[in-house]
Amino acid sequence: MKPNVAPVAAALPEPRKVFELPREVAQAKAHDWGVFVDAFLMNAARVGDRYAATVFCDQSGIVSDGTTVATRSVRQICGHGDFKLLQTFDGADHYVLVTEHLAGGKSDGQRS
């Protein structure tokens, strides 16, 4: 991910894990979002106008699949089914929110 998203990592480097691409991410990737999507976010928890989430398909190649990241401030610009397209306030980055934890510990009904 670009510098707009910070990985939440341990102090010591860990070996990279290989994650199978979740079915929901594959479905979200199949949609034409009309913009370059920087990454796909799963198990996202909203904190104000930011998200903490598990990232997949980071286009910068910096963040490995399955890594927890924190986005910068974002807004939703459109949706497709249960998926949401998010854009950073500066317009530089786009993320697809695949699954989200809602307030009160509930999920959006998709895999969490």
PDB file of N, CA and C in Angstrom:
ATOM      1  N   MET A   1       0.832  -1.155   0.000  1.00  0.00           N
ATOM      2  CA  MET A   1       0.000   0.000   0.000  1.00  0.00           C
ATOM      3  C   MET A   1       0.886   1.230   0.000  1.00  0.00           C
ATOM      4  N   LYS A   2       0.372   2.286  -0.513  1.00  0.00           N
ATOM      5  CA  LYS A   2       1.082   3.547  -0.485  1.00  0.00           C
ATOM      6  C   LYS A   2       1.206   4.009   0.959  1.00  0.00           C
ATOM      7  N   PRO A   3       1.944   5.075   1.223  1.00  0.00           N
ATOM      8  CA  PRO A   3       2.108   5.547   2.586  1.00  0.00           C
ATOM      9  C   PRO A   3       0.787   5.928   3.262  1.00  0.00           C
ATOM     10  N   ASN A   4      -0.312   5.947   2.527  1.00  0.00           N
ATOM     11  CA  ASN A   4      -1.598   6.320   3.106  1.00  0.00           C
ATOM     12  C   ASN A   4      -2.157   5.252   4.018  1.00  0.00           C
ATOM     13  N   VAL A   5      -1.593   4.068   4.009  1.00  0.00           N
ATOM     14  CA  VAL A   5      -2.067   2.978   4.853  1.00  0.00           C
ATOM     15  C   VAL A   5      -0.878   2.433   5.609  1.00  0.00           C
ATOM     16  N   ALA A   6      -1.018   2.348   6.915  1.00  0.00           N
ATOM     17  CA  ALA A   6       0.086   1.889   7.743  1.00  0.00           C
ATOM     18  C   ALA A   6      -0.160   0.478   8.227  1.00  0.00           C
ATOM     19  N   PRO A   7       0.770  -0.462   7.935  1.00  0.00           N
ATOM     20  CA  PRO A   7       0.599  -1.800   8.476  1.00  0.00           C
ATOM     21  C   PRO A   7       0.770  -1.789   9.992  1.00  0.00           C
ATOM     22  N   VAL A   8      -0.015  -2.593  10.657  1.00  0.00           N
ATOM     23  CA  VAL A   8       0.120  -2.761  12.094  1.00  0.00           C
ATOM     24  C   VAL A   8       0.944  -4.029  12.272  1.00  0.00           C
ATOM     25  N   ALA A   9       2.216  -3.874  12.637  1.00  0.00           N
ATOM     26  CA  ALA A   9       3.120  -5.021  12.647  1.00  0.00           C
ATOM     27  C   ALA A   9       3.835  -5.145  13.988  1.00  0.00           C
ATOM     28  N   ALA A  10       4.320  -6.325  14.256  1.00  0.00           N
ATOM     29  CA  ALA A  10       5.119  -6.577  15.452  1.00  0.00           C
ATOM     30  C   ALA A  10       6.488  -5.930  15.286  1.00  0.00           C
ATOM     31  N   ALA A  11       7.208  -5.784  16.389  1.00  0.00           N
ATOM     32  CA  ALA A  11       8.523  -5.155  16.348  1.00  0.00           C
ATOM     33  C   ALA A  11       9.524  -5.982  15.547  1.00  0.00           C
ATOM     34  N   LEU A  12       9.409  -7.295  15.610  1.00  0.00           N
ATOM     35  CA  LEU A  12      10.324  -8.160  14.871  1.00  0.00           C
ATOM     36  C   LEU A  12       9.658  -8.662  13.604  1.00  0.00           C
ATOM     37  N   PRO A  13      10.395  -8.711  12.498  1.00  0.00           N
ATOM     38  CA  PRO A  13       9.786  -9.211  11.264  1.00  0.00           C
ATOM     39  C   PRO A  13       9.405 -10.684  11.401  1.00  0.00           C
ATOM     40  N   GLU A  14       8.264 -11.017  10.841  1.00  0.00           N
ATOM     41  CA  GLU A  14       7.794 -12.398  10.848  1.00  0.00           C
ATOM     42  C   GLU A  14       7.867 -12.941   9.431  1.00  0.00           C
ATOM     43  N   PRO A  15       8.018 -14.255   9.286  1.00  0.00           N
ATOM     44  CA  PRO A  15       8.001 -14.815   7.934  1.00  0.00           C
ATOM     45  C   PRO A  15       6.650 -14.554   7.282  1.00  0.00           C
ATOM     46  N   ARG A  16       6.674 -14.315   5.984  1.00  0.00           N
ATOM     47  CA  ARG A  16       5.425 -14.051   5.263  1.00  0.00           C
ATOM     48  C   ARG A  16       4.590 -15.312   5.192  1.00  0.00           C
ATOM     49  N   LYS A  17       3.312 -15.160   5.513  1.00  0.00           N
ATOM     50  CA  LYS A  17       2.379 -16.274   5.416  1.00  0.00           C
ATOM     51  C   LYS A  17       1.733 -16.240   4.043  1.00  0.00           C
ATOM     52  N   VAL A  18       1.402 -17.388   3.530  1.00  0.00           N
ATOM     53  CA  VAL A  18       0.711 -17.466   2.251  1.00  0.00           C
ATOM     54  C   VAL A  18      -0.770 -17.656   2.547  1.00  0.00           C
ATOM     55  N   PHE A  19      -1.583 -16.722   2.064  1.00  0.00           N
ATOM     56  CA  PHE A  19      -3.019 -16.781   2.281  1.00  0.00           C
ATOM     57  C   PHE A  19      -3.719 -17.117   0.974  1.00  0.00           C
ATOM     58  N   GLU A  20      -4.699 -17.993   1.060  1.00  0.00           N
ATOM     59  CA  GLU A  20      -5.553 -18.257  -0.091  1.00  0.00           C
ATOM     60  C   GLU A  20      -6.486 -17.056  -0.224  1.00  0.00           C
ATOM     61  N   LEU A  21      -6.701 -16.608  -1.449  1.00  0.00           N
ATOM     62  CA  LEU A  21      -7.561 -15.455  -1.672  1.00  0.00           C
ATOM     63  C   LEU A  21      -8.989 -15.803  -1.260  1.00  0.00           C
ATOM     64  N   PRO A  22      -9.551 -15.060  -0.310  1.00  0.00           N
ATOM     65  CA  PRO A  22     -10.928 -15.347   0.112  1.00  0.00           C
ATOM     66  C   PRO A  22     -11.916 -15.203  -1.052  1.00  0.00           C
ATOM     67  N   ARG A  23     -12.934 -16.033  -1.033  1.00  0.00           N
ATOM     68  CA  ARG A  23     -13.959 -16.027  -2.085  1.00  0.00           C
ATOM     69  C   ARG A  23     -14.564 -14.636  -2.252  1.00  0.00           C
ATOM     70  N   GLU A  24     -14.827 -13.949  -1.145  1.00  0.00           N
ATOM     71  CA  GLU A  24     -15.441 -12.625  -1.211  1.00  0.00           C
ATOM     72  C   GLU A  24     -14.535 -11.617  -1.913  1.00  0.00           C
ATOM     73  N   VAL A  25     -13.225 -11.727  -1.680  1.00  0.00           N
ATOM     74  CA  VAL A  25     -12.279 -10.825  -2.347  1.00  0.00           C
ATOM     75  C   VAL A  25     -12.280 -11.105  -3.847  1.00  0.00           C
ATOM     76  N   ALA A  26     -12.288 -12.367  -4.230  1.00  0.00           N
ATOM     77  CA  ALA A  26     -12.343 -12.723  -5.655  1.00  0.00           C
ATOM     78  C   ALA A  26     -13.601 -12.152  -6.296  1.00  0.00           C
ATOM     79  N   GLN A  27     -14.727 -12.211  -5.591  1.00  0.00           N
ATOM     80  CA  GLN A  27     -15.975 -11.643  -6.114  1.00  0.00           C
ATOM     81  C   GLN A  27     -15.858 -10.130  -6.264  1.00  0.00           C
ATOM     82  N   ALA A  28     -15.293  -9.460  -5.272  1.00  0.00           N
ATOM     83  CA  ALA A  28     -15.139  -8.001  -5.333  1.00  0.00           C
ATOM     84  C   ALA A  28     -14.174  -7.598  -6.443  1.00  0.00           C
ATOM     85  N   LYS A  29     -13.112  -8.388  -6.649  1.00  0.00           N
ATOM     86  CA  LYS A  29     -12.147  -8.093  -7.715  1.00  0.00           C
ATOM     87  C   LYS A  29     -12.775  -8.226  -9.096  1.00  0.00           C
ATOM     88  N   ALA A  30     -13.771  -9.095  -9.229  1.00  0.00           N
ATOM     89  CA  ALA A  30     -14.401  -9.335 -10.532  1.00  0.00           C
ATOM     90  C   ALA A  30     -15.250  -8.159 -10.993  1.00  0.00           C
ATOM     91  N   HIS A  31     -15.629  -7.271 -10.077  1.00  0.00           N
ATOM     92  CA  HIS A  31     -16.459  -6.117 -10.437  1.00  0.00           C
ATOM     93  C   HIS A  31     -15.586  -5.013 -11.030  1.00  0.00           C
ATOM     94  N   ASP A  32     -16.093  -4.321 -12.052  1.00  0.00           N
ATOM     95  CA  ASP A  32     -15.393  -3.166 -12.623  1.00  0.00           C
ATOM     96  C   ASP A  32     -15.745  -1.948 -11.785  1.00  0.00           C
ATOM     97  N   TRP A  33     -14.812  -1.505 -10.965  1.00  0.00           N
ATOM     98  CA  TRP A  33     -15.058  -0.381 -10.062  1.00  0.00           C
ATOM     99  C   TRP A  33     -14.877   0.964 -10.750  1.00  0.00           C
ATOM    100  N   GLY A  34     -14.321   0.990 -11.937  1.00  0.00           N
ATOM    101  CA  GLY A  34     -14.159   2.239 -12.675  1.00  0.00           C
ATOM    102  C   GLY A  34     -12.960   3.062 -12.246  1.00  0.00           C
ATOM    103  N   VAL A  35     -12.222   2.587 -11.243  1.00  0.00           N
ATOM    104  CA  VAL A  35     -11.010   3.260 -10.772  1.00  0.00           C
ATOM    105  C   VAL A  35      -9.980   2.180 -10.449  1.00  0.00           C
ATOM    106  N   PHE A  36      -8.747   2.589 -10.302  1.00  0.00           N
ATOM    107  CA  PHE A  36      -7.695   1.673  -9.860  1.00  0.00           C
ATOM    108  C   PHE A  36      -7.927   1.397  -8.379  1.00  0.00           C
ATOM    109  N   VAL A  37      -8.090   0.132  -8.014  1.00  0.00           N
ATOM    110  CA  VAL A  37      -8.307  -0.242  -6.613  1.00  0.00           C
ATOM    111  C   VAL A  37      -6.953  -0.607  -6.006  1.00  0.00           C
ATOM    112  N   ASP A  38      -6.567   0.134  -4.974  1.00  0.00           N
ATOM    113  CA  ASP A  38      -5.271  -0.070  -4.334  1.00  0.00           C
ATOM    114  C   ASP A  38      -5.211  -1.340  -3.492  1.00  0.00           C
ATOM    115  N   ALA A  39      -6.342  -1.718  -2.875  1.00  0.00           N
ATOM    116  CA  ALA A  39      -6.367  -2.924  -2.044  1.00  0.00           C
ATOM    117  C   ALA A  39      -7.802  -3.261  -1.668  1.00  0.00           C
ATOM    118  N   PHE A  40      -7.981  -4.495  -1.209  1.00  0.00           N
ATOM    119  CA  PHE A  40      -9.286  -4.988  -0.760  1.00  0.00           C
ATOM    120  C   PHE A  40      -9.194  -5.243   0.738  1.00  0.00           C
ATOM    121  N   LEU A  41     -10.204  -4.792   1.481  1.00  0.00           N
ATOM    122  CA  LEU A  41     -10.189  -4.843   2.941  1.00  0.00           C
ATOM    123  C   LEU A  41     -11.245  -5.802   3.468  1.00  0.00           C
ATOM    124  N   MET A  42     -10.834  -6.695   4.358  1.00  0.00           N
ATOM    125  CA  MET A  42     -11.767  -7.636   4.987  1.00  0.00           C
ATOM    126  C   MET A  42     -11.733  -7.452   6.496  1.00  0.00           C
ATOM    127  N   ASN A  43     -12.834  -7.894   7.136  1.00  0.00           N
ATOM    128  CA  ASN A  43     -12.931  -7.832   8.597  1.00  0.00           C
ATOM    129  C   ASN A  43     -12.649  -6.421   9.106  1.00  0.00           C
ATOM    130  N   ALA A  44     -13.145  -5.436   8.376  1.00  0.00           N
ATOM    131  CA  ALA A  44     -12.851  -4.042   8.682  1.00  0.00           C
ATOM    132  C   ALA A  44     -13.645  -3.554   9.889  1.00  0.00           C
ATOM    133  N   ALA A  45     -12.974  -2.780  10.719  1.00  0.00           N
ATOM    134  CA  ALA A  45     -13.613  -2.143  11.868  1.00  0.00           C
ATOM    135  C   ALA A  45     -13.457  -0.638  11.695  1.00  0.00           C
ATOM    136  N   ARG A  46     -14.580   0.060  11.676  1.00  0.00           N
ATOM    137  CA  ARG A  46     -14.551   1.506  11.464  1.00  0.00           C
ATOM    138  C   ARG A  46     -14.242   2.223  12.773  1.00  0.00           C
ATOM    139  N   VAL A  47     -13.339   3.184  12.673  1.00  0.00           N
ATOM    140  CA  VAL A  47     -12.995   4.049  13.796  1.00  0.00           C
ATOM    141  C   VAL A  47     -13.050   5.473  13.258  1.00  0.00           C
ATOM    142  N   GLY A  48     -14.164   6.157  13.503  1.00  0.00           N
ATOM    143  CA  GLY A  48     -14.349   7.488  12.925  1.00  0.00           C
ATOM    144  C   GLY A  48     -14.448   7.378  11.417  1.00  0.00           C
ATOM    145  N   ASP A  49     -13.547   8.050  10.701  1.00  0.00           N
ATOM    146  CA  ASP A  49     -13.552   7.983   9.238  1.00  0.00           C
ATOM    147  C   ASP A  49     -12.386   7.140   8.711  1.00  0.00           C
ATOM    148  N   ARG A  50     -11.862   6.269   9.573  1.00  0.00           N
ATOM    149  CA  ARG A  50     -10.772   5.364   9.206  1.00  0.00           C
ATOM    150  C   ARG A  50     -11.201   3.927   9.455  1.00  0.00           C
ATOM    151  N   TYR A  51     -10.428   2.984   8.916  1.00  0.00           N
ATOM    152  CA  TYR A  51     -10.700   1.563   9.126  1.00  0.00           C
ATOM    153  C   TYR A  51      -9.423   0.831   9.520  1.00  0.00           C
ATOM    154  N   ALA A  52      -9.581  -0.149  10.393  1.00  0.00           N
ATOM    155  CA  ALA A  52      -8.547  -1.157  10.636  1.00  0.00           C
ATOM    156  C   ALA A  52      -9.087  -2.413   9.967  1.00  0.00           C
ATOM    157  N   ALA A  53      -8.263  -3.077   9.170  1.00  0.00           N
ATOM    158  CA  ALA A  53      -8.767  -4.213   8.388  1.00  0.00           C
ATOM    159  C   ALA A  53      -7.631  -5.138   7.977  1.00  0.00           C
ATOM    160  N   THR A  54      -8.022  -6.321   7.518  1.00  0.00           N
ATOM    161  CA  THR A  54      -7.083  -7.272   6.934  1.00  0.00           C
ATOM    162  C   THR A  54      -7.033  -6.991   5.437  1.00  0.00           C
ATOM    163  N   VAL A  55      -5.830  -6.804   4.905  1.00  0.00           N
ATOM    164  CA  VAL A  55      -5.676  -6.393   3.508  1.00  0.00           C
ATOM    165  C   VAL A  55      -5.377  -7.588   2.606  1.00  0.00           C
ATOM    166  N   PHE A  56      -5.894  -7.504   1.378  1.00  0.00           N
ATOM    167  CA  PHE A  56      -5.599  -8.472   0.322  1.00  0.00           C
ATOM    168  C   PHE A  56      -5.369  -7.705  -0.975  1.00  0.00           C
ATOM    169  N   CYS A  57      -4.497  -8.245  -1.814  1.00  0.00           N
ATOM    170  CA  CYS A  57      -4.242  -7.711  -3.163  1.00  0.00           C
ATOM    171  C   CYS A  57      -3.745  -6.273  -3.142  1.00  0.00           C
ATOM    172  N   ASP A  58      -2.845  -5.960  -2.219  1.00  0.00           N
ATOM    173  CA  ASP A  58      -2.227  -4.635  -2.169  1.00  0.00           C
ATOM    174  C   ASP A  58      -1.439  -4.423  -3.456  1.00  0.00           C
ATOM    175  N   GLN A  59      -1.803  -3.422  -4.217  1.00  0.00           N
ATOM    176  CA  GLN A  59      -1.188  -3.206  -5.525  1.00  0.00           C
ATOM    177  C   GLN A  59       0.213  -2.624  -5.456  1.00  0.00           C
ATOM    178  N   SER A  60       0.599  -2.049  -4.311  1.00  0.00           N
ATOM    179  CA  SER A  60       1.955  -1.516  -4.196  1.00  0.00           C
ATOM    180  C   SER A  60       2.970  -2.634  -3.981  1.00  0.00           C
ATOM    181  N   GLY A  61       2.490  -3.792  -3.504  1.00  0.00           N
ATOM    182  CA  GLY A  61       3.383  -4.902  -3.223  1.00  0.00           C
ATOM    183  C   GLY A  61       4.119  -4.778  -1.900  1.00  0.00           C
ATOM    184  N   ILE A  62       3.824  -3.744  -1.140  1.00  0.00           N
ATOM    185  CA  ILE A  62       4.511  -3.514   0.129  1.00  0.00           C
ATOM    186  C   ILE A  62       3.898  -4.329   1.260  1.00  0.00           C
ATOM    187  N   VAL A  63       2.574  -4.464   1.257  1.00  0.00           N
ATOM    188  CA  VAL A  63       1.869  -5.130   2.350  1.00  0.00           C
ATOM    189  C   VAL A  63       1.402  -6.508   1.886  1.00  0.00           C
ATOM    190  N   SER A  64       1.738  -7.525   2.653  1.00  0.00           N
ATOM    191  CA  SER A  64       1.370  -8.903   2.314  1.00  0.00           C
ATOM    192  C   SER A  64      -0.098  -9.172   2.595  1.00  0.00           C
ATOM    193  N   ASP A  65      -0.675 -10.088   1.818  1.00  0.00           N
ATOM    194  CA  ASP A  65      -2.045 -10.530   2.081  1.00  0.00           C
ATOM    195  C   ASP A  65      -2.154 -11.021   3.520  1.00  0.00           C
ATOM    196  N   GLY A  66      -3.254 -10.653   4.178  1.00  0.00           N
ATOM    197  CA  GLY A  66      -3.497 -11.091   5.544  1.00  0.00           C
ATOM    198  C   GLY A  66      -2.946 -10.169   6.610  1.00  0.00           C
ATOM    199  N   THR A  67      -2.256  -9.101   6.193  1.00  0.00           N
ATOM    200  CA  THR A  67      -1.707  -8.139   7.142  1.00  0.00           C
ATOM    201  C   THR A  67      -2.800  -7.191   7.610  1.00  0.00           C
ATOM    202  N   THR A  68      -2.756  -6.819   8.883  1.00  0.00           N
ATOM    203  CA  THR A  68      -3.695  -5.827   9.403  1.00  0.00           C
ATOM    204  C   THR A  68      -3.151  -4.440   9.100  1.00  0.00           C
ATOM    205  N   VAL A  69      -4.008  -3.581   8.569  1.00  0.00           N
ATOM    206  CA  VAL A  69      -3.619  -2.217   8.217  1.00  0.00           C
ATOM    207  C   VAL A  69      -4.612  -1.228   8.819  1.00  0.00           C
ATOM    208  N   ALA A  70      -4.192   0.023   8.866  1.00  0.00           N
ATOM    209  CA  ALA A  70      -5.076   1.123   9.245  1.00  0.00           C
ATOM    210  C   ALA A  70      -5.080   2.110   8.088  1.00  0.00           C
ATOM    211  N   THR A  71      -6.256   2.451   7.597  1.00  0.00           N
ATOM    212  CA  THR A  71      -6.337   3.403   6.484  1.00  0.00           C
ATOM    213  C   THR A  71      -6.231   4.826   7.003  1.00  0.00           C
ATOM    214  N   ARG A  72      -5.981   5.732   6.106  1.00  0.00           N
ATOM    215  CA  ARG A  72      -6.159   7.148   6.416  1.00  0.00           C
ATOM    216  C   ARG A  72      -7.646   7.425   6.328  1.00  0.00           C
ATOM    217  N   SER A  73      -8.036   8.650   6.527  1.00  0.00           N
ATOM    218  CA  SER A  73      -9.452   9.026   6.469  1.00  0.00           C
ATOM    219  C   SER A  73     -10.014   8.742   5.083  1.00  0.00           C
ATOM    220  N   VAL A  74     -11.183   8.068   5.057  1.00  0.00           N
ATOM    221  CA  VAL A  74     -11.823   7.683   3.799  1.00  0.00           C
ATOM    222  C   VAL A  74     -13.305   8.022   3.826  1.00  0.00           C
ATOM    223  N   ARG A  75     -13.879   8.045   2.637  1.00  0.00           N
ATOM    224  CA  ARG A  75     -15.331   8.217   2.479  1.00  0.00           C
ATOM    225  C   ARG A  75     -15.801   7.175   1.477  1.00  0.00           C
ATOM    226  N   GLN A  76     -17.052   6.761   1.615  1.00  0.00           N
ATOM    227  CA  GLN A  76     -17.625   5.817   0.654  1.00  0.00           C
ATOM    228  C   GLN A  76     -18.076   6.601  -0.561  1.00  0.00           C
ATOM    229  N   ILE A  77     -17.684   6.133  -1.758  1.00  0.00           N
ATOM    230  CA  ILE A  77     -18.117   6.832  -2.968  1.00  0.00           C
ATOM    231  C   ILE A  77     -19.122   6.034  -3.786  1.00  0.00           C
ATOM    232  N   CYS A  78     -19.198   4.726  -3.567  1.00  0.00           N
ATOM    233  CA  CYS A  78     -20.245   3.935  -4.213  1.00  0.00           C
ATOM    234  C   CYS A  78     -20.256   2.542  -3.608  1.00  0.00           C
ATOM    235  N   GLY A  79     -21.234   1.772  -4.002  1.00  0.00           N
ATOM    236  CA  GLY A  79     -21.336   0.407  -3.525  1.00  0.00           C
ATOM    237  C   GLY A  79     -21.766  -0.507  -4.653  1.00  0.00           C
ATOM    238  N   HIS A  80     -21.523  -1.784  -4.469  1.00  0.00           N
ATOM    239  CA  HIS A  80     -21.964  -2.808  -5.415  1.00  0.00           C
ATOM    240  C   HIS A  80     -22.323  -4.026  -4.577  1.00  0.00           C
ATOM    241  N   GLY A  81     -23.617  -4.300  -4.436  1.00  0.00           N
ATOM    242  CA  GLY A  81     -24.047  -5.367  -3.537  1.00  0.00           C
ATOM    243  C   GLY A  81     -23.627  -5.025  -2.122  1.00  0.00           C
ATOM    244  N   ASP A  82     -22.960  -5.961  -1.465  1.00  0.00           N
ATOM    245  CA  ASP A  82     -22.485  -5.725  -0.100  1.00  0.00           C
ATOM    246  C   ASP A  82     -21.115  -5.058  -0.053  1.00  0.00           C
ATOM    247  N   PHE A  83     -20.491  -4.843  -1.198  1.00  0.00           N
ATOM    248  CA  PHE A  83     -19.163  -4.246  -1.248  1.00  0.00           C
ATOM    249  C   PHE A  83     -19.269  -2.726  -1.329  1.00  0.00           C
ATOM    250  N   LYS A  84     -18.267  -2.036  -0.750  1.00  0.00           N
ATOM    251  CA  LYS A  84     -18.244  -0.571  -0.768  1.00  0.00           C
ATOM    252  C   LYS A  84     -16.908  -0.092  -1.314  1.00  0.00           C
ATOM    253  N   LEU A  85     -16.961   0.905  -2.188  1.00  0.00           N
ATOM    254  CA  LEU A  85     -15.740   1.527  -2.687  1.00  0.00           C
ATOM    255  C   LEU A  85     -15.449   2.748  -1.828  1.00  0.00           C
ATOM    256  N   LEU A  86     -14.254   2.757  -1.240  1.00  0.00           N
ATOM    257  CA  LEU A  86     -13.822   3.855  -0.386  1.00  0.00           C
ATOM    258  C   LEU A  86     -12.734   4.644  -1.086  1.00  0.00           C
ATOM    259  N   GLN A  87     -12.696   5.946  -0.808  1.00  0.00           N
ATOM    260  CA  GLN A  87     -11.670   6.825  -1.374  1.00  0.00           C
ATOM    261  C   GLN A  87     -11.079   7.649  -0.238  1.00  0.00           C
ATOM    262  N   THR A  88      -9.758   7.805  -0.233  1.00  0.00           N
ATOM    263  CA  THR A  88      -9.144   8.675   0.766  1.00  0.00           C
ATOM    264  C   THR A  88      -9.594  10.104   0.509  1.00  0.00           C
ATOM    265  N   PHE A  89      -9.614  10.913   1.566  1.00  0.00           N
ATOM    266  CA  PHE A  89     -10.097  12.290   1.437  1.00  0.00           C
ATOM    267  C   PHE A  89      -9.316  13.077   0.386  1.00  0.00           C
ATOM    268  N   ASP A  90      -8.032  12.749   0.200  1.00  0.00           N
ATOM    269  CA  ASP A  90      -7.254  13.468  -0.815  1.00  0.00           C
ATOM    270  C   ASP A  90      -7.472  12.912  -2.220  1.00  0.00           C
ATOM    271  N   GLY A  91      -8.269  11.836  -2.334  1.00  0.00           N
ATOM    272  CA  GLY A  91      -8.595  11.259  -3.637  1.00  0.00           C
ATOM    273  C   GLY A  91      -7.505  10.396  -4.239  1.00  0.00           C
ATOM    274  N   ALA A  92      -6.415  10.190  -3.509  1.00  0.00           N
ATOM    275  CA  ALA A  92      -5.270   9.472  -4.071  1.00  0.00           C
ATOM    276  C   ALA A  92      -5.439   7.956  -4.104  1.00  0.00           C
ATOM    277  N   ASP A  93      -6.206   7.404  -3.164  1.00  0.00           N
ATOM    278  CA  ASP A  93      -6.296   5.948  -3.047  1.00  0.00           C
ATOM    279  C   ASP A  93      -7.735   5.479  -2.975  1.00  0.00           C
ATOM    280  N   HIS A  94      -7.939   4.253  -3.471  1.00  0.00           N
ATOM    281  CA  HIS A  94      -9.266   3.622  -3.447  1.00  0.00           C
ATOM    282  C   HIS A  94      -9.128   2.217  -2.878  1.00  0.00           C
ATOM    283  N   TYR A  95     -10.052   1.872  -1.999  1.00  0.00           N
ATOM    284  CA  TYR A  95     -10.089   0.550  -1.383  1.00  0.00           C
ATOM    285  C   TYR A  95     -11.491  -0.007  -1.516  1.00  0.00           C
ATOM    286  N   VAL A  96     -11.591  -1.309  -1.664  1.00  0.00           N
ATOM    287  CA  VAL A  96     -12.909  -1.942  -1.645  1.00  0.00           C
ATOM    288  C   VAL A  96     -13.070  -2.605  -0.285  1.00  0.00           C
ATOM    289  N   LEU A  97     -14.119  -2.205   0.402  1.00  0.00           N
ATOM    290  CA  LEU A  97     -14.472  -2.789   1.690  1.00  0.00           C
ATOM    291  C   LEU A  97     -15.285  -4.043   1.405  1.00  0.00           C
ATOM    292  N   VAL A  98     -14.703  -5.186   1.686  1.00  0.00           N
ATOM    293  CA  VAL A  98     -15.314  -6.468   1.351  1.00  0.00           C
ATOM    294  C   VAL A  98     -16.206  -6.954   2.486  1.00  0.00           C
ATOM    295  N   THR A  99     -15.686  -6.983   3.712  1.00  0.00           N
ATOM    296  CA  THR A  99     -16.484  -7.344   4.888  1.00  0.00           C
ATOM    297  C   THR A  99     -16.180  -6.362   6.005  1.00  0.00           C
ATOM    298  N   GLU A 100     -17.189  -6.099   6.829  1.00  0.00           N
ATOM    299  CA  GLU A 100     -17.065  -5.083   7.871  1.00  0.00           C
ATOM    300  C   GLU A 100     -17.701  -5.570   9.165  1.00  0.00           C
ATOM    301  N   HIS A 101     -17.049  -5.240  10.275  1.00  0.00           N
ATOM    302  CA  HIS A 101     -17.642  -5.460  11.597  1.00  0.00           C
ATOM    303  C   HIS A 101     -18.444  -4.212  11.917  1.00  0.00           C
ATOM    304  N   LEU A 102     -19.715  -4.382  12.218  1.00  0.00           N
ATOM    305  CA  LEU A 102     -20.577  -3.250  12.528  1.00  0.00           C
ATOM    306  C   LEU A 102     -20.571  -2.983  14.030  1.00  0.00           C
ATOM    307  N   ALA A 103     -21.091  -1.812  14.428  1.00  0.00           N
ATOM    308  CA  ALA A 103     -21.148  -1.436  15.837  1.00  0.00           C
ATOM    309  C   ALA A 103     -21.860  -2.519  16.639  1.00  0.00           C
ATOM    310  N   GLY A 104     -21.420  -2.741  17.847  1.00  0.00           N
ATOM    311  CA  GLY A 104     -22.033  -3.743  18.700  1.00  0.00           C
ATOM    312  C   GLY A 104     -21.531  -5.146  18.446  1.00  0.00           C
ATOM    313  N   GLY A 105     -20.434  -5.275  17.670  1.00  0.00           N
ATOM    314  CA  GLY A 105     -19.854  -6.588  17.429  1.00  0.00           C
ATOM    315  C   GLY A 105     -20.546  -7.397  16.362  1.00  0.00           C
ATOM    316  N   LYS A 106     -21.512  -6.812  15.658  1.00  0.00           N
ATOM    317  CA  LYS A 106     -22.209  -7.537  14.594  1.00  0.00           C
ATOM    318  C   LYS A 106     -21.393  -7.449  13.315  1.00  0.00           C
ATOM    319  N   SER A 107     -21.607  -8.412  12.428  1.00  0.00           N
ATOM    320  CA  SER A 107     -20.931  -8.361  11.135  1.00  0.00           C
ATOM    321  C   SER A 107     -21.952  -8.010  10.067  1.00  0.00           C
ATOM    322  N   ASP A 108     -21.458  -7.735   8.880  1.00  0.00           N
ATOM    323  CA  ASP A 108     -22.338  -7.338   7.782  1.00  0.00           C
ATOM    324  C   ASP A 108     -23.019  -8.526   7.121  1.00  0.00           C
ATOM    325  N   GLY A 109     -22.890  -9.698   7.701  1.00  0.00           N
ATOM    326  CA  GLY A 109     -23.545 -10.877   7.142  1.00  0.00           C
ATOM    327  C   GLY A 109     -22.649 -11.700   6.250  1.00  0.00           C
ATOM    328  N   GLN A 110     -21.531 -11.148   5.845  1.00  0.00           N
ATOM    329  CA  GLN A 110     -20.580 -11.914   5.058  1.00  0.00           C
ATOM    330  C   GLN A 110     -19.585 -12.557   6.000  1.00  0.00           C
ATOM    331  N   ARG A 111     -18.702 -13.340   5.430  1.00  0.00           N
ATOM    332  CA  ARG A 111     -17.664 -13.991   6.223  1.00  0.00           C
ATOM    333  C   ARG A 111     -16.862 -12.946   6.972  1.00  0.00           C
ATOM    334  N   SER A 112     -16.565 -13.192   8.212  1.00  0.00           N
ATOM    335  CA  SER A 112     -15.750 -12.266   8.994  1.00  0.00           C
ATOM    336  C   SER A 112     -14.487 -12.920   9.449  1.00  0.00           C
TER     337      SER A 112
END
